[in-house]
Amino acid sequence: MNEPNDQIQRLGFEAWADNIIVNVVENITSRLAGPYEFSSEEEDVTVCVRLCDGEINATVRAWIKGKGWHYNDRVIKVGVQK
């Protein structure tokens, strides 16, 4: 998959993976009231986002040519007020 590798080279893996997570989270904001899971696998990129108990757990895994597998894991608390 050439396009993600080009974007990864331009942005850096972590920023590229964070952008994917943000895009998924923006699409699930209407479901923030209950459990939700999104999973997608396309060639050399896997995305998994789970919403449960006020937390979003997200993982992006991608194969980077010449560098192997890279992972980006995030935990985002939602609905937390101070």
PDB file of N, CA and C in Angstrom:
ATOM      1  N   MET A   1       0.860  -1.168   0.000  1.00  0.00           N
ATOM      2  CA  MET A   1       0.000   0.000   0.000  1.00  0.00           C
ATOM      3  C   MET A   1       0.904   1.228   0.000  1.00  0.00           C
ATOM      4  N   ASN A   2       0.997   1.911  -1.122  1.00  0.00           N
ATOM      5  CA  ASN A   2       1.933   3.014  -1.264  1.00  0.00           C
ATOM      6  C   ASN A   2       1.471   4.296  -0.602  1.00  0.00           C
ATOM      7  N   GLU A   3       0.199   4.627  -0.720  1.00  0.00           N
ATOM      8  CA  GLU A   3      -0.280   5.911  -0.179  1.00  0.00           C
ATOM      9  C   GLU A   3       0.000   6.065   1.309  1.00  0.00           C
ATOM     10  N   PRO A   4      -0.354   5.092   2.183  1.00  0.00           N
ATOM     11  CA  PRO A   4      -0.021   5.268   3.597  1.00  0.00           C
ATOM     12  C   PRO A   4       1.477   5.422   3.838  1.00  0.00           C
ATOM     13  N   ASN A   5       2.301   4.654   3.127  1.00  0.00           N
ATOM     14  CA  ASN A   5       3.740   4.788   3.334  1.00  0.00           C
ATOM     15  C   ASN A   5       4.229   6.175   2.946  1.00  0.00           C
ATOM     16  N   ASP A   6       3.665   6.756   1.881  1.00  0.00           N
ATOM     17  CA  ASP A   6       4.034   8.125   1.502  1.00  0.00           C
ATOM     18  C   ASP A   6       3.619   9.112   2.589  1.00  0.00           C
ATOM     19  N   GLN A   7       2.406   8.937   3.130  1.00  0.00           N
ATOM     20  CA  GLN A   7       1.926   9.823   4.190  1.00  0.00           C
ATOM     21  C   GLN A   7       2.745   9.638   5.462  1.00  0.00           C
ATOM     22  N   ILE A   8       3.100   8.402   5.775  1.00  0.00           N
ATOM     23  CA  ILE A   8       3.909   8.131   6.964  1.00  0.00           C
ATOM     24  C   ILE A   8       5.274   8.804   6.831  1.00  0.00           C
ATOM     25  N   GLN A   9       5.864   8.745   5.651  1.00  0.00           N
ATOM     26  CA  GLN A   9       7.158   9.389   5.439  1.00  0.00           C
ATOM     27  C   GLN A   9       7.049  10.899   5.615  1.00  0.00           C
ATOM     28  N   ARG A  10       5.926  11.469   5.176  1.00  0.00           N
ATOM     29  CA  ARG A  10       5.743  12.920   5.242  1.00  0.00           C
ATOM     30  C   ARG A  10       5.412  13.390   6.652  1.00  0.00           C
ATOM     31  N   LEU A  11       4.487  12.685   7.332  1.00  0.00           N
ATOM     32  CA  LEU A  11       4.007  13.121   8.645  1.00  0.00           C
ATOM     33  C   LEU A  11       4.754  12.508   9.822  1.00  0.00           C
ATOM     34  N   GLY A  12       5.310  11.327   9.620  1.00  0.00           N
ATOM     35  CA  GLY A  12       5.815  10.530  10.721  1.00  0.00           C
ATOM     36  C   GLY A  12       4.717   9.565  11.140  1.00  0.00           C
ATOM     37  N   PHE A  13       5.095   8.379  11.594  1.00  0.00           N
ATOM     38  CA  PHE A  13       4.110   7.345  11.888  1.00  0.00           C
ATOM     39  C   PHE A  13       3.105   7.768  12.950  1.00  0.00           C
ATOM     40  N   GLU A  14       3.588   8.322  14.043  1.00  0.00           N
ATOM     41  CA  GLU A  14       2.699   8.641  15.162  1.00  0.00           C
ATOM     42  C   GLU A  14       1.641   9.671  14.759  1.00  0.00           C
ATOM     43  N   ALA A  15       2.026  10.725  14.061  1.00  0.00           N
ATOM     44  CA  ALA A  15       1.058  11.746  13.626  1.00  0.00           C
ATOM     45  C   ALA A  15       0.069  11.148  12.623  1.00  0.00           C
ATOM     46  N   TRP A  16       0.553  10.323  11.715  1.00  0.00           N
ATOM     47  CA  TRP A  16      -0.318   9.676  10.740  1.00  0.00           C
ATOM     48  C   TRP A  16      -1.340   8.781  11.442  1.00  0.00           C
ATOM     49  N   ALA A  17      -0.878   7.972  12.395  1.00  0.00           N
ATOM     50  CA  ALA A  17      -1.773   7.073  13.129  1.00  0.00           C
ATOM     51  C   ALA A  17      -2.765   7.862  13.983  1.00  0.00           C
ATOM     52  N   ASP A  18      -2.320   8.934  14.629  1.00  0.00           N
ATOM     53  CA  ASP A  18      -3.235   9.782  15.413  1.00  0.00           C
ATOM     54  C   ASP A  18      -4.334  10.364  14.531  1.00  0.00           C
ATOM     55  N   ASN A  19      -4.003  10.746  13.298  1.00  0.00           N
ATOM     56  CA  ASN A  19      -5.018  11.275  12.380  1.00  0.00           C
ATOM     57  C   ASN A  19      -6.088  10.230  12.079  1.00  0.00           C
ATOM     58  N   ILE A  20      -5.688   8.981  11.921  1.00  0.00           N
ATOM     59  CA  ILE A  20      -6.651   7.907  11.683  1.00  0.00           C
ATOM     60  C   ILE A  20      -7.566   7.757  12.893  1.00  0.00           C
ATOM     61  N   ILE A  21      -6.985   7.762  14.081  1.00  0.00           N
ATOM     62  CA  ILE A  21      -7.779   7.625  15.308  1.00  0.00           C
ATOM     63  C   ILE A  21      -8.781   8.779  15.416  1.00  0.00           C
ATOM     64  N   VAL A  22      -8.337   9.997  15.163  1.00  0.00           N
ATOM     65  CA  VAL A  22      -9.233  11.160  15.234  1.00  0.00           C
ATOM     66  C   VAL A  22     -10.375  11.012  14.241  1.00  0.00           C
ATOM     67  N   ASN A  23     -10.096  10.557  13.030  1.00  0.00           N
ATOM     68  CA  ASN A  23     -11.151  10.385  12.030  1.00  0.00           C
ATOM     69  C   ASN A  23     -12.198   9.379  12.493  1.00  0.00           C
ATOM     70  N   VAL A  24     -11.773   8.264  13.074  1.00  0.00           N
ATOM     71  CA  VAL A  24     -12.721   7.259  13.564  1.00  0.00           C
ATOM     72  C   VAL A  24     -13.526   7.823  14.727  1.00  0.00           C
ATOM     73  N   VAL A  25     -12.863   8.471  15.679  1.00  0.00           N
ATOM     74  CA  VAL A  25     -13.550   9.025  16.850  1.00  0.00           C
ATOM     75  C   VAL A  25     -14.578  10.076  16.419  1.00  0.00           C
ATOM     76  N   GLU A  26     -14.238  10.912  15.452  1.00  0.00           N
ATOM     77  CA  GLU A  26     -15.201  11.902  14.960  1.00  0.00           C
ATOM     78  C   GLU A  26     -16.444  11.240  14.389  1.00  0.00           C
ATOM     79  N   ASN A  27     -16.283  10.070  13.790  1.00  0.00           N
ATOM     80  CA  ASN A  27     -17.417   9.357  13.208  1.00  0.00           C
ATOM     81  C   ASN A  27     -18.259   8.624  14.241  1.00  0.00           C
ATOM     82  N   ILE A  28     -17.742   8.391  15.445  1.00  0.00           N
ATOM     83  CA  ILE A  28     -18.512   7.650  16.448  1.00  0.00           C
ATOM     84  C   ILE A  28     -19.039   8.538  17.568  1.00  0.00           C
ATOM     85  N   THR A  29     -18.890   9.844  17.463  1.00  0.00           N
ATOM     86  CA  THR A  29     -19.313  10.711  18.561  1.00  0.00           C
ATOM     87  C   THR A  29     -20.797  10.574  18.878  1.00  0.00           C
ATOM     88  N   SER A  30     -21.609  10.194  17.909  1.00  0.00           N
ATOM     89  CA  SER A  30     -23.040   9.998  18.183  1.00  0.00           C
ATOM     90  C   SER A  30     -23.287   8.744  19.010  1.00  0.00           C
ATOM     91  N   ARG A  31     -22.301   7.873  19.125  1.00  0.00           N
ATOM     92  CA  ARG A  31     -22.447   6.613  19.863  1.00  0.00           C
ATOM     93  C   ARG A  31     -21.772   6.650  21.233  1.00  0.00           C
ATOM     94  N   LEU A  32     -21.385   7.814  21.698  1.00  0.00           N
ATOM     95  CA  LEU A  32     -20.625   7.906  22.942  1.00  0.00           C
ATOM     96  C   LEU A  32     -21.417   7.468  24.169  1.00  0.00           C
ATOM     97  N   ALA A  33     -22.696   7.204  24.029  1.00  0.00           N
ATOM     98  CA  ALA A  33     -23.507   6.800  25.176  1.00  0.00           C
ATOM     99  C   ALA A  33     -23.353   5.318  25.508  1.00  0.00           C
ATOM    100  N   GLY A  34     -22.842   4.523  24.617  1.00  0.00           N
ATOM    101  CA  GLY A  34     -22.772   3.089  24.896  1.00  0.00           C
ATOM    102  C   GLY A  34     -21.558   2.435  24.273  1.00  0.00           C
ATOM    103  N   PRO A  35     -21.379   1.151  24.532  1.00  0.00           N
ATOM    104  CA  PRO A  35     -20.231   0.424  23.974  1.00  0.00           C
ATOM    105  C   PRO A  35     -20.266   0.434  22.438  1.00  0.00           C
ATOM    106  N   TYR A  36     -19.097   0.515  21.855  1.00  0.00           N
ATOM    107  CA  TYR A  36     -18.984   0.539  20.395  1.00  0.00           C
ATOM    108  C   TYR A  36     -17.609   0.004  20.023  1.00  0.00           C
ATOM    109  N   GLU A  37     -17.534  -0.704  18.911  1.00  0.00           N
ATOM    110  CA  GLU A  37     -16.240  -1.201  18.435  1.00  0.00           C
ATOM    111  C   GLU A  37     -16.151  -1.031  16.933  1.00  0.00           C
ATOM    112  N   PHE A  38     -15.014  -0.525  16.475  1.00  0.00           N
ATOM    113  CA  PHE A  38     -14.737  -0.371  15.051  1.00  0.00           C
ATOM    114  C   PHE A  38     -13.434  -1.092  14.764  1.00  0.00           C
ATOM    115  N   SER A  39     -13.425  -1.885  13.710  1.00  0.00           N
ATOM    116  CA  SER A  39     -12.212  -2.590  13.325  1.00  0.00           C
ATOM    117  C   SER A  39     -12.122  -2.618  11.809  1.00  0.00           C
ATOM    118  N   SER A  40     -10.939  -2.369  11.291  1.00  0.00           N
ATOM    119  CA  SER A  40     -10.730  -2.368   9.850  1.00  0.00           C
ATOM    120  C   SER A  40      -9.329  -2.881   9.547  1.00  0.00           C
ATOM    121  N   GLU A  41      -9.244  -3.697   8.529  1.00  0.00           N
ATOM    122  CA  GLU A  41      -7.938  -4.205   8.103  1.00  0.00           C
ATOM    123  C   GLU A  41      -7.871  -4.108   6.592  1.00  0.00           C
ATOM    124  N   GLU A  42      -6.847  -3.399   6.114  1.00  0.00           N
ATOM    125  CA  GLU A  42      -6.678  -3.232   4.682  1.00  0.00           C
ATOM    126  C   GLU A  42      -5.203  -3.388   4.351  1.00  0.00           C
ATOM    127  N   GLU A  43      -4.890  -4.431   3.637  1.00  0.00           N
ATOM    128  CA  GLU A  43      -3.525  -4.760   3.251  1.00  0.00           C
ATOM    129  C   GLU A  43      -2.583  -4.725   4.452  1.00  0.00           C
ATOM    130  N   ASP A  44      -1.824  -3.648   4.610  1.00  0.00           N
ATOM    131  CA  ASP A  44      -0.804  -3.606   5.657  1.00  0.00           C
ATOM    132  C   ASP A  44      -1.123  -2.612   6.766  1.00  0.00           C
ATOM    133  N   VAL A  45      -2.419  -2.261   6.924  1.00  0.00           N
ATOM    134  CA  VAL A  45      -2.844  -1.335   7.982  1.00  0.00           C
ATOM    135  C   VAL A  45      -4.037  -1.940   8.714  1.00  0.00           C
ATOM    136  N   THR A  46      -3.962  -1.954  10.050  1.00  0.00           N
ATOM    137  CA  THR A  46      -5.073  -2.419  10.879  1.00  0.00           C
ATOM    138  C   THR A  46      -5.435  -1.324  11.872  1.00  0.00           C
ATOM    139  N   VAL A  47      -6.741  -1.062  12.004  1.00  0.00           N
ATOM    140  CA  VAL A  47      -7.236  -0.057  12.936  1.00  0.00           C
ATOM    141  C   VAL A  47      -8.289  -0.712  13.810  1.00  0.00           C
ATOM    142  N   CYS A  48      -8.177  -0.524  15.122  1.00  0.00           N
ATOM    143  CA  CYS A  48      -9.173  -1.035  16.061  1.00  0.00           C
ATOM    144  C   CYS A  48      -9.458   0.053  17.088  1.00  0.00           C
ATOM    145  N   VAL A  49     -10.734   0.431  17.199  1.00  0.00           N
ATOM    146  CA  VAL A  49     -11.146   1.457  18.158  1.00  0.00           C
ATOM    147  C   VAL A  49     -12.309   0.902  18.959  1.00  0.00           C
ATOM    148  N   ARG A  50     -12.185   0.948  20.294  1.00  0.00           N
ATOM    149  CA  ARG A  50     -13.240   0.459  21.190  1.00  0.00           C
ATOM    150  C   ARG A  50     -13.643   1.564  22.148  1.00  0.00           C
ATOM    151  N   LEU A  51     -14.950   1.728  22.310  1.00  0.00           N
ATOM    152  CA  LEU A  51     -15.490   2.670  23.285  1.00  0.00           C
ATOM    153  C   LEU A  51     -16.213   1.860  24.341  1.00  0.00           C
ATOM    154  N   CYS A  52     -15.787   1.996  25.591  1.00  0.00           N
ATOM    155  CA  CYS A  52     -16.417   1.266  26.688  1.00  0.00           C
ATOM    156  C   CYS A  52     -16.083   1.963  28.007  1.00  0.00           C
ATOM    157  N   ASP A  53     -17.078   2.122  28.851  1.00  0.00           N
ATOM    158  CA  ASP A  53     -16.881   2.678  30.199  1.00  0.00           C
ATOM    159  C   ASP A  53     -16.164   4.023  30.208  1.00  0.00           C
ATOM    160  N   GLY A  54     -16.533   4.906  29.288  1.00  0.00           N
ATOM    161  CA  GLY A  54     -15.966   6.252  29.284  1.00  0.00           C
ATOM    162  C   GLY A  54     -14.552   6.358  28.753  1.00  0.00           C
ATOM    163  N   GLU A  55     -14.070   5.314  28.078  1.00  0.00           N
ATOM    164  CA  GLU A  55     -12.732   5.350  27.493  1.00  0.00           C
ATOM    165  C   GLU A  55     -12.784   4.873  26.054  1.00  0.00           C
ATOM    166  N   ILE A  56     -11.972   5.520  25.244  1.00  0.00           N
ATOM    167  CA  ILE A  56     -11.752   5.051  23.885  1.00  0.00           C
ATOM    168  C   ILE A  56     -10.358   4.446  23.865  1.00  0.00           C
ATOM    169  N   ASN A  57     -10.275   3.176  23.508  1.00  0.00           N
ATOM    170  CA  ASN A  57      -8.994   2.488  23.353  1.00  0.00           C
ATOM    171  C   ASN A  57      -8.775   2.279  21.861  1.00  0.00           C
ATOM    172  N   ALA A  58      -7.691   2.815  21.337  1.00  0.00           N
ATOM    173  CA  ALA A  58      -7.445   2.765  19.903  1.00  0.00           C
ATOM    174  C   ALA A  58      -6.051   2.221  19.624  1.00  0.00           C
ATOM    175  N   THR A  59      -5.969   1.397  18.589  1.00  0.00           N
ATOM    176  CA  THR A  59      -4.691   0.864  18.136  1.00  0.00           C
ATOM    177  C   THR A  59      -4.627   0.959  16.617  1.00  0.00           C
ATOM    178  N   VAL A  60      -3.524   1.481  16.115  1.00  0.00           N
ATOM    179  CA  VAL A  60      -3.239   1.476  14.682  1.00  0.00           C
ATOM    180  C   VAL A  60      -1.949   0.706  14.499  1.00  0.00           C
ATOM    181  N   ARG A  61      -1.984  -0.260  13.584  1.00  0.00           N
ATOM    182  CA  ARG A  61      -0.796  -1.061  13.283  1.00  0.00           C
ATOM    183  C   ARG A  61      -0.552  -0.957  11.790  1.00  0.00           C
ATOM    184  N   ALA A  62       0.694  -0.705  11.394  1.00  0.00           N
ATOM    185  CA  ALA A  62       1.005  -0.581   9.975  1.00  0.00           C
ATOM    186  C   ALA A  62       2.386  -1.145   9.675  1.00  0.00           C
ATOM    187  N   TRP A  63       2.495  -1.748   8.502  1.00  0.00           N
ATOM    188  CA  TRP A  63       3.779  -2.225   8.007  1.00  0.00           C
ATOM    189  C   TRP A  63       4.441  -1.086   7.250  1.00  0.00           C
ATOM    190  N   ILE A  64       5.637  -0.716   7.684  1.00  0.00           N
ATOM    191  CA  ILE A  64       6.383   0.342   7.023  1.00  0.00           C
ATOM    192  C   ILE A  64       7.541  -0.304   6.278  1.00  0.00           C
ATOM    193  N   LYS A  65       7.550  -0.083   4.977  1.00  0.00           N
ATOM    194  CA  LYS A  65       8.559  -0.702   4.119  1.00  0.00           C
ATOM    195  C   LYS A  65       9.957  -0.413   4.635  1.00  0.00           C
ATOM    196  N   GLY A  66      10.719  -1.455   4.832  1.00  0.00           N
ATOM    197  CA  GLY A  66      12.090  -1.332   5.294  1.00  0.00           C
ATOM    198  C   GLY A  66      12.246  -1.170   6.801  1.00  0.00           C
ATOM    199  N   LYS A  67      11.114  -1.018   7.526  1.00  0.00           N
ATOM    200  CA  LYS A  67      11.188  -0.793   8.967  1.00  0.00           C
ATOM    201  C   LYS A  67      10.347  -1.777   9.776  1.00  0.00           C
ATOM    202  N   GLY A  68       9.459  -2.507   9.118  1.00  0.00           N
ATOM    203  CA  GLY A  68       8.647  -3.502   9.817  1.00  0.00           C
ATOM    204  C   GLY A  68       7.361  -2.925  10.394  1.00  0.00           C
ATOM    205  N   TRP A  69       6.782  -3.668  11.341  1.00  0.00           N
ATOM    206  CA  TRP A  69       5.517  -3.273  11.955  1.00  0.00           C
ATOM    207  C   TRP A  69       5.719  -2.157  12.971  1.00  0.00           C
ATOM    208  N   HIS A  70       4.820  -1.188  12.928  1.00  0.00           N
ATOM    209  CA  HIS A  70       4.786  -0.097  13.901  1.00  0.00           C
ATOM    210  C   HIS A  70       3.393  -0.054  14.506  1.00  0.00           C
ATOM    211  N   TYR A  71       3.316   0.289  15.782  1.00  0.00           N
ATOM    212  CA  TYR A  71       2.050   0.338  16.514  1.00  0.00           C
ATOM    213  C   TYR A  71       1.881   1.698  17.171  1.00  0.00           C
ATOM    214  N   ASN A  72       0.645   2.163  17.237  1.00  0.00           N
ATOM    215  CA  ASN A  72       0.315   3.372  17.981  1.00  0.00           C
ATOM    216  C   ASN A  72      -0.926   3.056  18.807  1.00  0.00           C
ATOM    217  N   ASP A  73      -0.798   3.078  20.115  1.00  0.00           N
ATOM    218  CA  ASP A  73      -1.903   2.803  21.032  1.00  0.00           C
ATOM    219  C   ASP A  73      -2.263   4.084  21.773  1.00  0.00           C
ATOM    220  N   ARG A  74      -3.562   4.349  21.894  1.00  0.00           N
ATOM    221  CA  ARG A  74      -4.036   5.525  22.614  1.00  0.00           C
ATOM    222  C   ARG A  74      -5.206   5.146  23.507  1.00  0.00           C
ATOM    223  N   VAL A  75      -5.271   5.773  24.677  1.00  0.00           N
ATOM    224  CA  VAL A  75      -6.428   5.681  25.565  1.00  0.00           C
ATOM    225  C   VAL A  75      -6.925   7.109  25.761  1.00  0.00           C
ATOM    226  N   ILE A  76      -8.193   7.336  25.417  1.00  0.00           N
ATOM    227  CA  ILE A  76      -8.780   8.663  25.505  1.00  0.00           C
ATOM    228  C   ILE A  76      -9.983   8.589  26.437  1.00  0.00           C
ATOM    229  N   LYS A  77      -9.963   9.380  27.469  1.00  0.00           N
ATOM    230  CA  LYS A  77     -11.097   9.427  28.415  1.00  0.00           C
ATOM    231  C   LYS A  77     -12.138  10.383  27.827  1.00  0.00           C
ATOM    232  N   VAL A  78     -13.406   9.949  27.834  1.00  0.00           N
ATOM    233  CA  VAL A  78     -14.486  10.788  27.313  1.00  0.00           C
ATOM    234  C   VAL A  78     -15.505  11.051  28.414  1.00  0.00           C
ATOM    235  N   GLY A  79     -16.077  12.216  28.376  1.00  0.00           N
ATOM    236  CA  GLY A  79     -17.110  12.566  29.324  1.00  0.00           C
ATOM    237  C   GLY A  79     -16.598  12.796  30.739  1.00  0.00           C
ATOM    238  N   VAL A  80     -15.295  13.065  30.883  1.00  0.00           N
ATOM    239  CA  VAL A  80     -14.709  13.304  32.192  1.00  0.00           C
ATOM    240  C   VAL A  80     -14.748  14.801  32.475  1.00  0.00           C
ATOM    241  N   GLN A  81     -15.335  15.167  33.598  1.00  0.00           N
ATOM    242  CA  GLN A  81     -15.400  16.568  33.981  1.00  0.00           C
ATOM    243  C   GLN A  81     -14.633  16.776  35.269  1.00  0.00           C
ATOM    244  N   LYS A  82     -13.924  17.888  35.361  1.00  0.00           N
ATOM    245  CA  LYS A  82     -13.157  18.195  36.574  1.00  0.00           C
ATOM    246  C   LYS A  82     -13.831  19.282  37.349  1.00  0.00           C
TER     247      LYS A  82
END
